[in-house]
Amino acid sequence: MEGRIVGHRLGGNRYYPRQLIIEVEGAGKDISAIIGKKVVWVHPVTGRKFVGKIVRRHGKRNRFIAYFRVPPPGQAKGGSVVIV
């Protein structure tokens, strides 16, 4: 399953660098099946893999919040991810 990184999760006075909003293509009604799955983003130059986990839903669209142990760089915004 494929997805796209929309941006960081924002708060009132700060942003959360380890939490990214991911828009999943073709999620449909399988929302509970997506939560808990791993998300992988690969750096286009170095090939380094950033692995995260989908924690919860974000809004009413097909968007979810993924938590990463190591925060991905800003180049990840707008990039595609693979949901395993």
Protein backbone atom coordinates (compact mmCIF):
# COMPACT_ATOMS: atom_id res chain seq x y z
CA MET A 1 0.00 0.00 0.00
CA GLU A 2 1.27 3.45 -0.87
CA GLY A 3 0.96 6.78 0.90
CA ARG A 4 2.19 10.37 0.81
CA ILE A 5 3.68 12.53 3.57
CA VAL A 6 1.57 15.66 3.99
CA GLY A 7 3.57 17.33 6.76
CA HIS A 8 4.34 17.41 10.45
CA ARG A 9 1.74 17.26 13.15
CA LEU A 10 1.30 20.77 14.54
CA GLY A 11 0.32 21.97 17.99
CA GLY A 12 -0.63 25.36 19.34
CA ASN A 13 2.88 26.69 19.78
CA ARG A 14 5.09 23.96 18.37
CA TYR A 15 5.42 21.18 15.84
CA TYR A 16 6.20 17.55 16.52
CA PRO A 17 9.19 16.49 14.39
CA ARG A 18 8.70 12.77 15.04
CA GLN A 19 5.03 12.73 14.12
CA LEU A 20 4.10 13.01 10.46
CA ILE A 21 0.70 13.16 8.80
CA ILE A 22 0.39 10.51 6.10
CA GLU A 23 -2.30 10.41 3.43
CA VAL A 24 -3.03 6.82 2.45
CA GLU A 25 -4.26 6.19 -1.07
CA GLY A 26 -7.13 3.74 -1.29
CA ALA A 27 -7.65 3.33 2.45
CA GLY A 28 -11.42 3.15 2.08
CA LYS A 29 -13.13 1.59 5.06
CA ASP A 30 -10.13 -0.45 6.25
CA ILE A 31 -9.19 2.15 8.85
CA SER A 32 -8.75 -0.26 11.75
CA ALA A 33 -6.56 -2.51 9.58
CA ILE A 34 -4.14 0.33 8.81
CA ILE A 35 -3.56 1.47 12.39
CA GLY A 36 -0.54 -0.31 13.83
CA LYS A 37 1.20 -0.97 10.51
CA LYS A 38 4.74 0.16 9.74
CA VAL A 39 5.61 3.02 7.41
CA VAL A 40 8.92 3.18 5.51
CA TRP A 41 10.37 6.27 3.84
CA VAL A 42 13.66 5.93 1.95
CA HIS A 43 15.99 8.91 1.57
CA PRO A 44 16.41 9.57 -2.17
CA VAL A 45 20.17 10.29 -2.01
CA THR A 46 21.63 8.19 0.80
CA GLY A 47 19.13 5.32 0.71
CA ARG A 48 18.68 5.46 4.48
CA LYS A 49 15.38 4.00 5.68
CA PHE A 50 13.20 5.78 8.22
CA VAL A 51 10.68 3.44 9.81
CA GLY A 52 7.59 4.61 11.65
CA LYS A 53 4.33 3.25 12.95
CA ILE A 54 0.80 4.44 12.21
CA VAL A 55 -0.66 5.42 15.58
CA ARG A 56 -4.07 6.97 14.94
CA ARG A 57 -6.34 8.65 12.45
CA HIS A 58 -6.13 12.35 11.62
CA GLY A 59 -9.38 14.00 10.58
CA LYS A 60 -12.11 12.52 8.43
CA ARG A 61 -10.10 12.02 5.25
CA ASN A 62 -7.69 9.16 4.59
CA ARG A 63 -4.99 10.72 6.74
CA PHE A 64 -3.15 9.14 9.65
CA ILE A 65 -0.45 10.12 12.13
CA ALA A 66 2.73 8.08 12.02
CA TYR A 67 5.30 8.16 14.83
CA PHE A 68 9.00 7.82 13.93
CA ARG A 69 11.77 7.09 16.44
CA VAL A 70 14.27 9.06 14.37
CA PRO A 71 12.66 12.15 12.83
CA PRO A 72 12.89 12.21 9.03
CA PRO A 73 14.41 15.32 7.41
CA GLY A 74 12.35 18.07 5.87
CA GLN A 75 12.97 16.57 2.43
CA ALA A 76 10.47 13.87 3.33
CA LYS A 77 7.55 16.29 3.05
CA GLY A 78 5.57 15.46 -0.07
CA GLY A 79 7.43 12.20 -0.57
CA SER A 80 5.93 8.77 -0.95
CA VAL A 81 5.99 6.07 1.70
CA VAL A 82 5.37 2.33 1.67
CA ILE A 83 2.98 0.85 4.22
CA VAL A 84 4.05 -2.64 5.23
